[in-house]
Amino acid sequence: MIKDNFYYILKNRLDYARDYLKDTSDYLRSLNFQKKVKREFYKDKPLLYLFVNFINLPTNFINYLKYLQSIFYYSKATNEIEVLKKELEKYDSKF
């Protein structure tokens, strides 16, 4: 039996969402690694750490908001994958 066009659209969207989830996961892992490196670098330089963070406070705040946004999009993509899988299972059970 032939499946309609929407099935293939959902299938392509699922592939895209999986790729996006992998890329976002890699991005978040790299940010966490950068935090570890930064912490190790400033371990014995607390005054320099305070000075640099004070100067870069607005930028650090924006970067933190971007980090939170990435976590939000990661969870959104995870939920989208679950919904797409359920919808594709409905199509597979019909045909």
Protein backbone atom coordinates (compact mmCIF):
# COMPACT_ATOMS: atom_id res chain seq x y z
CA MET A 1 0.00 0.00 0.00
CA ILE A 2 1.27 3.51 -0.78
CA LYS A 3 1.80 5.93 2.09
CA ASP A 4 0.82 9.53 1.59
CA ASN A 5 3.25 12.43 1.33
CA PHE A 6 2.82 13.50 4.96
CA TYR A 7 4.41 10.24 6.14
CA TYR A 8 7.59 11.05 4.26
CA ILE A 9 7.55 14.63 5.53
CA LEU A 10 7.36 13.28 9.09
CA LYS A 11 10.16 10.81 8.38
CA ASN A 12 12.42 13.58 7.03
CA ARG A 13 11.56 15.77 10.01
CA LEU A 14 12.50 12.92 12.36
CA ASP A 15 15.89 12.57 10.68
CA TYR A 16 16.44 16.32 10.92
CA ALA A 17 15.41 16.38 14.60
CA ARG A 18 17.82 13.54 15.39
CA ASP A 19 20.67 15.38 13.67
CA TYR A 20 19.76 18.58 15.50
CA LEU A 21 19.67 16.73 18.83
CA LYS A 22 23.12 15.26 18.19
CA ASP A 23 24.57 18.64 17.21
CA THR A 24 23.04 20.38 20.22
CA SER A 25 24.30 17.64 22.51
CA ASP A 26 27.82 18.05 21.11
CA TYR A 27 27.58 21.83 21.55
CA LEU A 28 26.49 21.51 25.19
CA ARG A 29 29.25 19.01 25.89
CA SER A 30 31.84 21.36 24.41
CA LEU A 31 30.55 24.24 26.56
CA ASN A 32 30.83 22.09 29.68
CA PHE A 33 34.35 21.11 28.67
CA GLN A 34 35.27 24.77 28.18
CA LYS A 35 33.99 25.50 31.69
CA LYS A 36 36.29 22.81 33.08
CA VAL A 37 39.26 24.24 31.21
CA LYS A 38 38.47 27.75 32.42
CA ARG A 39 38.11 26.56 36.01
CA GLU A 40 41.44 24.75 35.81
CA PHE A 41 43.17 27.78 34.28
CA TYR A 42 41.98 30.19 36.98
CA LYS A 43 42.44 27.74 39.84
CA ASP A 44 45.51 29.50 41.27
CA LYS A 45 44.66 33.00 39.90
CA PRO A 46 41.53 34.09 41.79
CA LEU A 47 42.11 37.85 41.41
CA LEU A 48 42.57 37.56 37.68
CA TYR A 49 39.42 35.44 37.55
CA LEU A 50 37.39 38.08 39.36
CA PHE A 51 38.81 40.90 37.24
CA VAL A 52 38.18 39.16 33.92
CA ASN A 53 34.67 38.09 34.91
CA PHE A 54 33.80 41.56 36.12
CA ILE A 55 34.93 43.13 32.85
CA ASN A 56 33.08 40.51 30.81
CA LEU A 57 29.95 40.44 32.95
CA PRO A 58 27.49 41.51 30.21
CA THR A 59 28.99 39.06 27.73
CA ASN A 60 28.99 36.27 30.29
CA PHE A 61 25.33 36.94 31.04
CA ILE A 62 24.43 36.77 27.34
CA ASN A 63 26.43 33.55 26.96
CA TYR A 64 24.61 32.07 29.93
CA LEU A 65 21.26 32.95 28.36
CA LYS A 66 22.37 31.27 25.13
CA TYR A 67 23.35 28.20 27.17
CA LEU A 68 19.89 28.10 28.77
CA GLN A 69 18.31 28.53 25.34
CA SER A 70 20.32 25.58 24.01
CA ILE A 71 19.12 23.42 26.90
CA PHE A 72 15.54 24.46 26.14
CA TYR A 73 15.90 23.59 22.45
CA TYR A 74 17.54 20.27 23.37
CA SER A 75 14.57 19.27 25.50
CA LYS A 76 12.17 20.53 22.82
CA ALA A 77 13.91 18.41 20.17
CA THR A 78 13.77 15.38 22.46
CA ASN A 79 10.03 15.80 22.86
CA GLU A 80 9.58 16.37 19.13
CA ILE A 81 11.38 13.10 18.37
CA GLU A 82 9.06 11.21 20.72
CA VAL A 83 5.95 12.73 19.12
CA LEU A 84 7.24 12.03 15.61
CA LYS A 85 7.96 8.40 16.51
CA LYS A 86 4.43 7.96 17.84
CA GLU A 87 2.93 9.54 14.75
CA LEU A 88 5.02 7.36 12.43
CA GLU A 89 3.99 4.27 14.41
CA LYS A 90 0.36 5.19 13.72
CA TYR A 91 1.13 5.32 10.00
CA ASP A 92 2.98 2.01 10.13
CA SER A 93 0.11 0.30 11.93
CA LYS A 94 -2.39 1.54 9.31
CA PHE A 95 -0.45 0.26 6.33
